[in-house]
Amino acid sequence: MKFLAPIFIAILLCGCTAPEHVSPAEFKKQYEYIGQAQTMREVVYLGQRNGKAFARIKSMSPIRKKWSEQIIYVELKELDPVFREALPNTKVNQ
């Protein structure tokens, strides 16, 4: 997971869109895609920082054939305790 931190920082610094706050239900829905084989979509859990959990969603447009990235986050306190405790406690470094 250490190699993801520079990617996360690069995304933030390159002028890409800022991380988007999502509902606990949406974060959990996206988290369920992690590790599942998909052809035009990839979801990666980035870790936790400052009381937030982050994930990266990459998807390819079938029309433009170009990848887009989105970083989403949820406040850890918003998550139900069982799901929150199941999340890897990986820290996102700066």
PDB file of N, CA and C in Angstrom:
ATOM      1  N   MET A   1       0.808  -1.197   0.000  1.00  0.00           N
ATOM      2  CA  MET A   1       0.000   0.000   0.000  1.00  0.00           C
ATOM      3  C   MET A   1       0.853   1.264   0.000  1.00  0.00           C
ATOM      4  N   LYS A   2       2.132   1.125   0.364  1.00  0.00           N
ATOM      5  CA  LYS A   2       2.987   2.308   0.399  1.00  0.00           C
ATOM      6  C   LYS A   2       3.115   2.953  -0.979  1.00  0.00           C
ATOM      7  N   PHE A   3       3.069   2.145  -2.033  1.00  0.00           N
ATOM      8  CA  PHE A   3       3.222   2.712  -3.369  1.00  0.00           C
ATOM      9  C   PHE A   3       1.976   3.474  -3.798  1.00  0.00           C
ATOM     10  N   LEU A   4       0.846   3.309  -3.122  1.00  0.00           N
ATOM     11  CA  LEU A   4      -0.369   4.036  -3.476  1.00  0.00           C
ATOM     12  C   LEU A   4      -0.343   5.473  -2.973  1.00  0.00           C
ATOM     13  N   ALA A   5       0.359   5.720  -1.890  1.00  0.00           N
ATOM     14  CA  ALA A   5       0.404   7.068  -1.329  1.00  0.00           C
ATOM     15  C   ALA A   5       0.945   8.082  -2.332  1.00  0.00           C
ATOM     16  N   PRO A   6       2.063   7.813  -3.018  1.00  0.00           N
ATOM     17  CA  PRO A   6       2.526   8.783  -4.011  1.00  0.00           C
ATOM     18  C   PRO A   6       1.530   8.992  -5.147  1.00  0.00           C
ATOM     19  N   ILE A   7       0.829   7.933  -5.523  1.00  0.00           N
ATOM     20  CA  ILE A   7      -0.180   8.065  -6.578  1.00  0.00           C
ATOM     21  C   ILE A   7      -1.286   8.997  -6.112  1.00  0.00           C
ATOM     22  N   PHE A   8      -1.735   8.783  -4.880  1.00  0.00           N
ATOM     23  CA  PHE A   8      -2.786   9.626  -4.318  1.00  0.00           C
ATOM     24  C   PHE A   8      -2.353  11.085  -4.278  1.00  0.00           C
ATOM     25  N   ILE A   9      -1.147  11.333  -3.820  1.00  0.00           N
ATOM     26  CA  ILE A   9      -0.636  12.701  -3.739  1.00  0.00           C
ATOM     27  C   ILE A   9      -0.494  13.306  -5.131  1.00  0.00           C
ATOM     28  N   ALA A  10      -0.010  12.513  -6.086  1.00  0.00           N
ATOM     29  CA  ALA A  10       0.144  13.005  -7.454  1.00  0.00           C
ATOM     30  C   ALA A  10      -1.197  13.403  -8.052  1.00  0.00           C
ATOM     31  N   ILE A  11      -2.218  12.609  -7.782  1.00  0.00           N
ATOM     32  CA  ILE A  11      -3.548  12.929  -8.295  1.00  0.00           C
ATOM     33  C   ILE A  11      -4.021  14.262  -7.732  1.00  0.00           C
ATOM     34  N   LEU A  12      -3.778  14.466  -6.451  1.00  0.00           N
ATOM     35  CA  LEU A  12      -4.205  15.715  -5.832  1.00  0.00           C
ATOM     36  C   LEU A  12      -3.425  16.914  -6.368  1.00  0.00           C
ATOM     37  N   LEU A  13      -2.145  16.727  -6.643  1.00  0.00           N
ATOM     38  CA  LEU A  13      -1.301  17.837  -7.072  1.00  0.00           C
ATOM     39  C   LEU A  13      -1.389  18.138  -8.560  1.00  0.00           C
ATOM     40  N   CYS A  14      -1.845  17.191  -9.365  1.00  0.00           N
ATOM     41  CA  CYS A  14      -1.842  17.400 -10.816  1.00  0.00           C
ATOM     42  C   CYS A  14      -3.058  18.175 -11.300  1.00  0.00           C
ATOM     43  N   GLY A  15      -3.878  18.656 -10.394  1.00  0.00           N
ATOM     44  CA  GLY A  15      -5.018  19.445 -10.810  1.00  0.00           C
ATOM     45  C   GLY A  15      -6.248  18.613 -11.078  1.00  0.00           C
ATOM     46  N   CYS A  16      -6.215  17.355 -10.741  1.00  0.00           N
ATOM     47  CA  CYS A  16      -7.389  16.518 -10.907  1.00  0.00           C
ATOM     48  C   CYS A  16      -8.436  16.950  -9.886  1.00  0.00           C
ATOM     49  N   THR A  17      -9.632  16.442 -10.063  1.00  0.00           N
ATOM     50  CA  THR A  17     -10.691  16.838  -9.148  1.00  0.00           C
ATOM     51  C   THR A  17     -10.360  16.409  -7.720  1.00  0.00           C
ATOM     52  N   ALA A  18     -10.853  17.167  -6.790  1.00  0.00           N
ATOM     53  CA  ALA A  18     -10.621  16.882  -5.371  1.00  0.00           C
ATOM     54  C   ALA A  18     -11.398  15.629  -4.977  1.00  0.00           C
ATOM     55  N   PRO A  19     -10.951  14.965  -3.911  1.00  0.00           N
ATOM     56  CA  PRO A  19     -11.706  13.807  -3.438  1.00  0.00           C
ATOM     57  C   PRO A  19     -13.162  14.194  -3.158  1.00  0.00           C
ATOM     58  N   GLU A  20     -14.051  13.286  -3.470  1.00  0.00           N
ATOM     59  CA  GLU A  20     -15.486  13.543  -3.317  1.00  0.00           C
ATOM     60  C   GLU A  20     -16.027  12.795  -2.101  1.00  0.00           C
ATOM     61  N   HIS A  21     -16.712  13.515  -1.231  1.00  0.00           N
ATOM     62  CA  HIS A  21     -17.345  12.894  -0.076  1.00  0.00           C
ATOM     63  C   HIS A  21     -18.584  12.143  -0.552  1.00  0.00           C
ATOM     64  N   VAL A  22     -18.703  10.886  -0.150  1.00  0.00           N
ATOM     65  CA  VAL A  22     -19.857  10.076  -0.518  1.00  0.00           C
ATOM     66  C   VAL A  22     -20.533   9.552   0.743  1.00  0.00           C
ATOM     67  N   SER A  23     -21.732   9.065   0.583  1.00  0.00           N
ATOM     68  CA  SER A  23     -22.467   8.505   1.717  1.00  0.00           C
ATOM     69  C   SER A  23     -21.831   7.184   2.143  1.00  0.00           C
ATOM     70  N   PRO A  24     -22.066   6.778   3.378  1.00  0.00           N
ATOM     71  CA  PRO A  24     -21.553   5.475   3.820  1.00  0.00           C
ATOM     72  C   PRO A  24     -22.053   4.332   2.935  1.00  0.00           C
ATOM     73  N   ALA A  25     -23.306   4.398   2.491  1.00  0.00           N
ATOM     74  CA  ALA A  25     -23.857   3.342   1.633  1.00  0.00           C
ATOM     75  C   ALA A  25     -23.120   3.292   0.291  1.00  0.00           C
ATOM     76  N   GLU A  26     -22.814   4.456  -0.283  1.00  0.00           N
ATOM     77  CA  GLU A  26     -22.099   4.499  -1.564  1.00  0.00           C
ATOM     78  C   GLU A  26     -20.670   3.993  -1.397  1.00  0.00           C
ATOM     79  N   PHE A  27     -20.000   4.378  -0.317  1.00  0.00           N
ATOM     80  CA  PHE A  27     -18.633   3.916  -0.094  1.00  0.00           C
ATOM     81  C   PHE A  27     -18.606   2.404   0.059  1.00  0.00           C
ATOM     82  N   LYS A  28     -19.536   1.880   0.821  1.00  0.00           N
ATOM     83  CA  LYS A  28     -19.608   0.433   1.025  1.00  0.00           C
ATOM     84  C   LYS A  28     -19.890  -0.281  -0.297  1.00  0.00           C
ATOM     85  N   LYS A  29     -20.767   0.276  -1.106  1.00  0.00           N
ATOM     86  CA  LYS A  29     -21.084  -0.299  -2.420  1.00  0.00           C
ATOM     87  C   LYS A  29     -19.831  -0.352  -3.296  1.00  0.00           C
ATOM     88  N   GLN A  30     -19.083   0.746  -3.344  1.00  0.00           N
ATOM     89  CA  GLN A  30     -17.864   0.786  -4.148  1.00  0.00           C
ATOM     90  C   GLN A  30     -16.804  -0.146  -3.575  1.00  0.00           C
ATOM     91  N   TYR A  31     -16.721  -0.227  -2.255  1.00  0.00           N
ATOM     92  CA  TYR A  31     -15.726  -1.067  -1.594  1.00  0.00           C
ATOM     93  C   TYR A  31     -15.933  -2.541  -1.955  1.00  0.00           C
ATOM     94  N   GLU A  32     -17.165  -2.934  -2.169  1.00  0.00           N
ATOM     95  CA  GLU A  32     -17.469  -4.320  -2.526  1.00  0.00           C
ATOM     96  C   GLU A  32     -16.867  -4.718  -3.877  1.00  0.00           C
ATOM     97  N   TYR A  33     -16.550  -3.748  -4.724  1.00  0.00           N
ATOM     98  CA  TYR A  33     -15.942  -4.029  -6.032  1.00  0.00           C
ATOM     99  C   TYR A  33     -14.446  -4.326  -5.939  1.00  0.00           C
ATOM    100  N   ILE A  34     -13.819  -4.002  -4.823  1.00  0.00           N
ATOM    101  CA  ILE A  34     -12.377  -4.193  -4.679  1.00  0.00           C
ATOM    102  C   ILE A  34     -12.044  -5.675  -4.805  1.00  0.00           C
ATOM    103  N   GLY A  35     -11.073  -5.952  -5.660  1.00  0.00           N
ATOM    104  CA  GLY A  35     -10.619  -7.324  -5.861  1.00  0.00           C
ATOM    105  C   GLY A  35     -11.446  -8.126  -6.845  1.00  0.00           C
ATOM    106  N   GLN A  36     -12.538  -7.562  -7.338  1.00  0.00           N
ATOM    107  CA  GLN A  36     -13.352  -8.255  -8.328  1.00  0.00           C
ATOM    108  C   GLN A  36     -12.843  -7.923  -9.727  1.00  0.00           C
ATOM    109  N   ALA A  37     -12.764  -8.934 -10.557  1.00  0.00           N
ATOM    110  CA  ALA A  37     -12.319  -8.728 -11.940  1.00  0.00           C
ATOM    111  C   ALA A  37     -13.388  -7.952 -12.707  1.00  0.00           C
ATOM    112  N   GLN A  38     -12.952  -6.867 -13.310  1.00  0.00           N
ATOM    113  CA  GLN A  38     -13.840  -6.040 -14.115  1.00  0.00           C
ATOM    114  C   GLN A  38     -13.075  -5.587 -15.340  1.00  0.00           C
ATOM    115  N   THR A  39     -13.760  -5.346 -16.416  1.00  0.00           N
ATOM    116  CA  THR A  39     -13.057  -4.995 -17.644  1.00  0.00           C
ATOM    117  C   THR A  39     -12.859  -3.498 -17.821  1.00  0.00           C
ATOM    118  N   MET A  40     -13.814  -2.697 -17.434  1.00  0.00           N
ATOM    119  CA  MET A  40     -13.707  -1.261 -17.694  1.00  0.00           C
ATOM    120  C   MET A  40     -13.808  -0.447 -16.403  1.00  0.00           C
ATOM    121  N   ARG A  41     -13.493  -1.090 -15.281  1.00  0.00           N
ATOM    122  CA  ARG A  41     -13.623  -0.424 -13.995  1.00  0.00           C
ATOM    123  C   ARG A  41     -12.669  -1.063 -12.997  1.00  0.00           C
ATOM    124  N   GLU A  42     -12.090  -0.241 -12.144  1.00  0.00           N
ATOM    125  CA  GLU A  42     -11.204  -0.733 -11.097  1.00  0.00           C
ATOM    126  C   GLU A  42     -11.411   0.118  -9.855  1.00  0.00           C
ATOM    127  N   VAL A  43     -11.579  -0.532  -8.704  1.00  0.00           N
ATOM    128  CA  VAL A  43     -11.717   0.174  -7.434  1.00  0.00           C
ATOM    129  C   VAL A  43     -10.591  -0.305  -6.526  1.00  0.00           C
ATOM    130  N   VAL A  44      -9.865   0.657  -5.943  1.00  0.00           N
ATOM    131  CA  VAL A  44      -8.738   0.357  -5.055  1.00  0.00           C
ATOM    132  C   VAL A  44      -8.936   1.126  -3.750  1.00  0.00           C
ATOM    133  N   TYR A  45      -8.794   0.413  -2.641  1.00  0.00           N
ATOM    134  CA  TYR A  45      -8.846   1.053  -1.327  1.00  0.00           C
ATOM    135  C   TYR A  45      -7.497   1.701  -1.079  1.00  0.00           C
ATOM    136  N   LEU A  46      -7.493   3.013  -0.799  1.00  0.00           N
ATOM    137  CA  LEU A  46      -6.238   3.741  -0.612  1.00  0.00           C
ATOM    138  C   LEU A  46      -5.794   3.800   0.837  1.00  0.00           C
ATOM    139  N   GLY A  47      -6.724   3.749   1.763  1.00  0.00           N
ATOM    140  CA  GLY A  47      -6.362   3.790   3.170  1.00  0.00           C
ATOM    141  C   GLY A  47      -7.120   4.855   3.929  1.00  0.00           C
ATOM    142  N   GLN A  48      -6.601   5.180   5.117  1.00  0.00           N
ATOM    143  CA  GLN A  48      -7.258   6.127   6.009  1.00  0.00           C
ATOM    144  C   GLN A  48      -6.321   7.277   6.353  1.00  0.00           C
ATOM    145  N   ARG A  49      -6.921   8.435   6.554  1.00  0.00           N
ATOM    146  CA  ARG A  49      -6.160   9.615   6.969  1.00  0.00           C
ATOM    147  C   ARG A  49      -7.138  10.624   7.573  1.00  0.00           C
ATOM    148  N   ASN A  50      -6.747  11.183   8.693  1.00  0.00           N
ATOM    149  CA  ASN A  50      -7.531  12.233   9.356  1.00  0.00           C
ATOM    150  C   ASN A  50      -8.998  11.841   9.543  1.00  0.00           C
ATOM    151  N   GLY A  51      -9.247  10.602   9.934  1.00  0.00           N
ATOM    152  CA  GLY A  51     -10.610  10.169  10.208  1.00  0.00           C
ATOM    153  C   GLY A  51     -11.454   9.898   8.979  1.00  0.00           C
ATOM    154  N   LYS A  52     -10.792   9.734   7.830  1.00  0.00           N
ATOM    155  CA  LYS A  52     -11.508   9.457   6.578  1.00  0.00           C
ATOM    156  C   LYS A  52     -10.924   8.210   5.928  1.00  0.00           C
ATOM    157  N   ALA A  53     -11.768   7.472   5.201  1.00  0.00           N
ATOM    158  CA  ALA A  53     -11.327   6.328   4.414  1.00  0.00           C
ATOM    159  C   ALA A  53     -11.443   6.714   2.944  1.00  0.00           C
ATOM    160  N   PHE A  54     -10.399   6.388   2.154  1.00  0.00           N
ATOM    161  CA  PHE A  54     -10.329   6.790   0.752  1.00  0.00           C
ATOM    162  C   PHE A  54     -10.306   5.587  -0.180  1.00  0.00           C
ATOM    163  N   ALA A  55     -10.907   5.751  -1.351  1.00  0.00           N
ATOM    164  CA  ALA A  55     -10.857   4.738  -2.404  1.00  0.00           C
ATOM    165  C   ALA A  55     -10.711   5.459  -3.745  1.00  0.00           C
ATOM    166  N   ARG A  56     -10.061   4.775  -4.688  1.00  0.00           N
ATOM    167  CA  ARG A  56      -9.899   5.324  -6.046  1.00  0.00           C
ATOM    168  C   ARG A  56     -10.745   4.477  -6.994  1.00  0.00           C
ATOM    169  N   ILE A  57     -11.499   5.146  -7.837  1.00  0.00           N
ATOM    170  CA  ILE A  57     -12.309   4.467  -8.846  1.00  0.00           C
ATOM    171  C   ILE A  57     -11.786   4.897 -10.209  1.00  0.00           C
ATOM    172  N   LYS A  58     -11.356   3.916 -11.003  1.00  0.00           N
ATOM    173  CA  LYS A  58     -10.937   4.178 -12.381  1.00  0.00           C
ATOM    174  C   LYS A  58     -11.964   3.522 -13.286  1.00  0.00           C
ATOM    175  N   SER A  59     -12.382   4.237 -14.310  1.00  0.00           N
ATOM    176  CA  SER A  59     -13.320   3.652 -15.258  1.00  0.00           C
ATOM    177  C   SER A  59     -12.975   4.135 -16.659  1.00  0.00           C
ATOM    178  N   MET A  60     -13.312   3.298 -17.632  1.00  0.00           N
ATOM    179  CA  MET A  60     -13.039   3.644 -19.020  1.00  0.00           C
ATOM    180  C   MET A  60     -14.352   3.943 -19.731  1.00  0.00           C
ATOM    181  N   SER A  61     -14.354   5.033 -20.435  1.00  0.00           N
ATOM    182  CA  SER A  61     -15.508   5.397 -21.239  1.00  0.00           C
ATOM    183  C   SER A  61     -15.538   4.502 -22.479  1.00  0.00           C
ATOM    184  N   PRO A  62     -16.648   3.838 -22.735  1.00  0.00           N
ATOM    185  CA  PRO A  62     -16.714   2.990 -23.931  1.00  0.00           C
ATOM    186  C   PRO A  62     -16.687   3.792 -25.223  1.00  0.00           C
ATOM    187  N   ILE A  63     -17.000   5.063 -25.140  1.00  0.00           N
ATOM    188  CA  ILE A  63     -17.027   5.906 -26.342  1.00  0.00           C
ATOM    189  C   ILE A  63     -15.658   6.527 -26.608  1.00  0.00           C
ATOM    190  N   ARG A  64     -15.076   7.147 -25.580  1.00  0.00           N
ATOM    191  CA  ARG A  64     -13.796   7.839 -25.758  1.00  0.00           C
ATOM    192  C   ARG A  64     -12.597   6.920 -25.614  1.00  0.00           C
ATOM    193  N   LYS A  65     -12.781   5.732 -25.056  1.00  0.00           N
ATOM    194  CA  LYS A  65     -11.680   4.779 -24.820  1.00  0.00           C
ATOM    195  C   LYS A  65     -10.563   5.420 -24.004  1.00  0.00           C
ATOM    196  N   LYS A  66     -10.961   6.172 -22.998  1.00  0.00           N
ATOM    197  CA  LYS A  66     -10.008   6.870 -22.148  1.00  0.00           C
ATOM    198  C   LYS A  66     -10.384   6.630 -20.687  1.00  0.00           C
ATOM    199  N   TRP A  67      -9.353   6.405 -19.852  1.00  0.00           N
ATOM    200  CA  TRP A  67      -9.579   6.156 -18.433  1.00  0.00           C
ATOM    201  C   TRP A  67      -9.811   7.474 -17.699  1.00  0.00           C
ATOM    202  N   SER A  68     -10.709   7.437 -16.723  1.00  0.00           N
ATOM    203  CA  SER A  68     -10.894   8.570 -15.825  1.00  0.00           C
ATOM    204  C   SER A  68     -10.757   8.055 -14.397  1.00  0.00           C
ATOM    205  N   GLU A  69     -10.344   8.935 -13.504  1.00  0.00           N
ATOM    206  CA  GLU A  69     -10.143   8.570 -12.102  1.00  0.00           C
ATOM    207  C   GLU A  69     -10.954   9.472 -11.206  1.00  0.00           C
ATOM    208  N   GLN A  70     -11.394   8.891 -10.122  1.00  0.00           N
ATOM    209  CA  GLN A  70     -12.129   9.628  -9.109  1.00  0.00           C
ATOM    210  C   GLN A  70     -11.699   9.095  -7.749  1.00  0.00           C
ATOM    211  N   ILE A  71     -11.422   9.991  -6.828  1.00  0.00           N
ATOM    212  CA  ILE A  71     -11.119   9.605  -5.450  1.00  0.00           C
ATOM    213  C   ILE A  71     -12.359   9.923  -4.625  1.00  0.00           C
ATOM    214  N   ILE A  72     -12.812   8.932  -3.865  1.00  0.00           N
ATOM    215  CA  ILE A  72     -13.950   9.151  -2.985  1.00  0.00           C
ATOM    216  C   ILE A  72     -13.506   8.929  -1.539  1.00  0.00           C
ATOM    217  N   TYR A  73     -14.249   9.522  -0.611  1.00  0.00           N
ATOM    218  CA  TYR A  73     -13.953   9.290   0.799  1.00  0.00           C
ATOM    219  C   TYR A  73     -15.233   9.346   1.608  1.00  0.00           C
ATOM    220  N   VAL A  74     -15.130   8.774   2.782  1.00  0.00           N
ATOM    221  CA  VAL A  74     -16.222   8.812   3.740  1.00  0.00           C
ATOM    222  C   VAL A  74     -15.599   9.047   5.114  1.00  0.00           C
ATOM    223  N   GLU A  75     -16.311   9.770   5.942  1.00  0.00           N
ATOM    224  CA  GLU A  75     -15.865   9.953   7.321  1.00  0.00           C
ATOM    225  C   GLU A  75     -16.005   8.609   8.037  1.00  0.00           C
ATOM    226  N   LEU A  76     -14.946   8.185   8.733  1.00  0.00           N
ATOM    227  CA  LEU A  76     -14.993   6.893   9.416  1.00  0.00           C
ATOM    228  C   LEU A  76     -16.125   6.837  10.449  1.00  0.00           C
ATOM    229  N   LYS A  77     -16.387   7.947  11.112  1.00  0.00           N
ATOM    230  CA  LYS A  77     -17.438   7.970  12.134  1.00  0.00           C
ATOM    231  C   LYS A  77     -18.829   7.768  11.536  1.00  0.00           C
ATOM    232  N   GLU A  78     -18.975   7.981  10.216  1.00  0.00           N
ATOM    233  CA  GLU A  78     -20.267   7.783   9.554  1.00  0.00           C
ATOM    234  C   GLU A  78     -20.558   6.305   9.269  1.00  0.00           C
ATOM    235  N   LEU A  79     -19.514   5.501   9.234  1.00  0.00           N
ATOM    236  CA  LEU A  79     -19.676   4.087   8.897  1.00  0.00           C
ATOM    237  C   LEU A  79     -20.206   3.293  10.077  1.00  0.00           C
ATOM    238  N   ASP A  80     -20.946   2.229   9.770  1.00  0.00           N
ATOM    239  CA  ASP A  80     -21.398   1.376  10.865  1.00  0.00           C
ATOM    240  C   ASP A  80     -20.172   0.685  11.461  1.00  0.00           C
ATOM    241  N   PRO A  81     -20.178   0.449  12.769  1.00  0.00           N
ATOM    242  CA  PRO A  81     -18.990  -0.068  13.459  1.00  0.00           C
ATOM    243  C   PRO A  81     -18.443  -1.383  12.903  1.00  0.00           C
ATOM    244  N   VAL A  82     -19.296  -2.279  12.481  1.00  0.00           N
ATOM    245  CA  VAL A  82     -18.834  -3.574  11.969  1.00  0.00           C
ATOM    246  C   VAL A  82     -18.038  -3.383  10.679  1.00  0.00           C
ATOM    247  N   PHE A  83     -18.562  -2.579   9.757  1.00  0.00           N
ATOM    248  CA  PHE A  83     -17.854  -2.319   8.497  1.00  0.00           C
ATOM    249  C   PHE A  83     -16.576  -1.537   8.746  1.00  0.00           C
ATOM    250  N   ARG A  84     -16.645  -0.537   9.619  1.00  0.00           N
ATOM    251  CA  ARG A  84     -15.479   0.298   9.932  1.00  0.00           C
ATOM    252  C   ARG A  84     -14.328  -0.548  10.471  1.00  0.00           C
ATOM    253  N   GLU A  85     -14.629  -1.470  11.364  1.00  0.00           N
ATOM    254  CA  GLU A  85     -13.595  -2.325  11.945  1.00  0.00           C
ATOM    255  C   GLU A  85     -13.030  -3.314  10.928  1.00  0.00           C
ATOM    256  N   ALA A  86     -13.796  -3.635   9.893  1.00  0.00           N
ATOM    257  CA  ALA A  86     -13.334  -4.577   8.866  1.00  0.00           C
ATOM    258  C   ALA A  86     -12.399  -3.917   7.853  1.00  0.00           C
ATOM    259  N   LEU A  87     -12.403  -2.588   7.793  1.00  0.00           N
ATOM    260  CA  LEU A  87     -11.527  -1.890   6.850  1.00  0.00           C
ATOM    261  C   LEU A  87     -10.068  -2.059   7.262  1.00  0.00           C
ATOM    262  N   PRO A  88      -9.189  -2.278   6.283  1.00  0.00           N
ATOM    263  CA  PRO A  88      -7.765  -2.301   6.621  1.00  0.00           C
ATOM    264  C   PRO A  88      -7.347  -0.952   7.194  1.00  0.00           C
ATOM    265  N   ASN A  89      -6.588  -0.957   8.240  1.00  0.00           N
ATOM    266  CA  ASN A  89      -6.179   0.277   8.902  1.00  0.00           C
ATOM    267  C   ASN A  89      -4.903   0.834   8.261  1.00  0.00           C
ATOM    268  N   THR A  90      -4.903   0.877   6.954  1.00  0.00           N
ATOM    269  CA  THR A  90      -3.755   1.384   6.209  1.00  0.00           C
ATOM    270  C   THR A  90      -3.798   2.909   6.230  1.00  0.00           C
ATOM    271  N   LYS A  91      -2.680   3.499   6.587  1.00  0.00           N
ATOM    272  CA  LYS A  91      -2.591   4.952   6.638  1.00  0.00           C
ATOM    273  C   LYS A  91      -2.138   5.506   5.294  1.00  0.00           C
ATOM    274  N   VAL A  92      -2.810   6.558   4.835  1.00  0.00           N
ATOM    275  CA  VAL A  92      -2.397   7.269   3.636  1.00  0.00           C
ATOM    276  C   VAL A  92      -1.360   8.277   4.070  1.00  0.00           C
ATOM    277  N   ASN A  93      -0.145   8.192   3.530  1.00  0.00           N
ATOM    278  CA  ASN A  93       0.931   9.125   3.891  1.00  0.00           C
ATOM    279  C   ASN A  93       0.891  10.351   3.021  1.00  0.00           C
ATOM    280  N   GLN A  94       1.459  11.419   3.532  1.00  0.00           N
ATOM    281  CA  GLN A  94       1.522  12.648   2.759  1.00  0.00           C
ATOM    282  C   GLN A  94       2.897  12.870   2.235  1.00  0.00           C
TER     283      GLN A  94
END
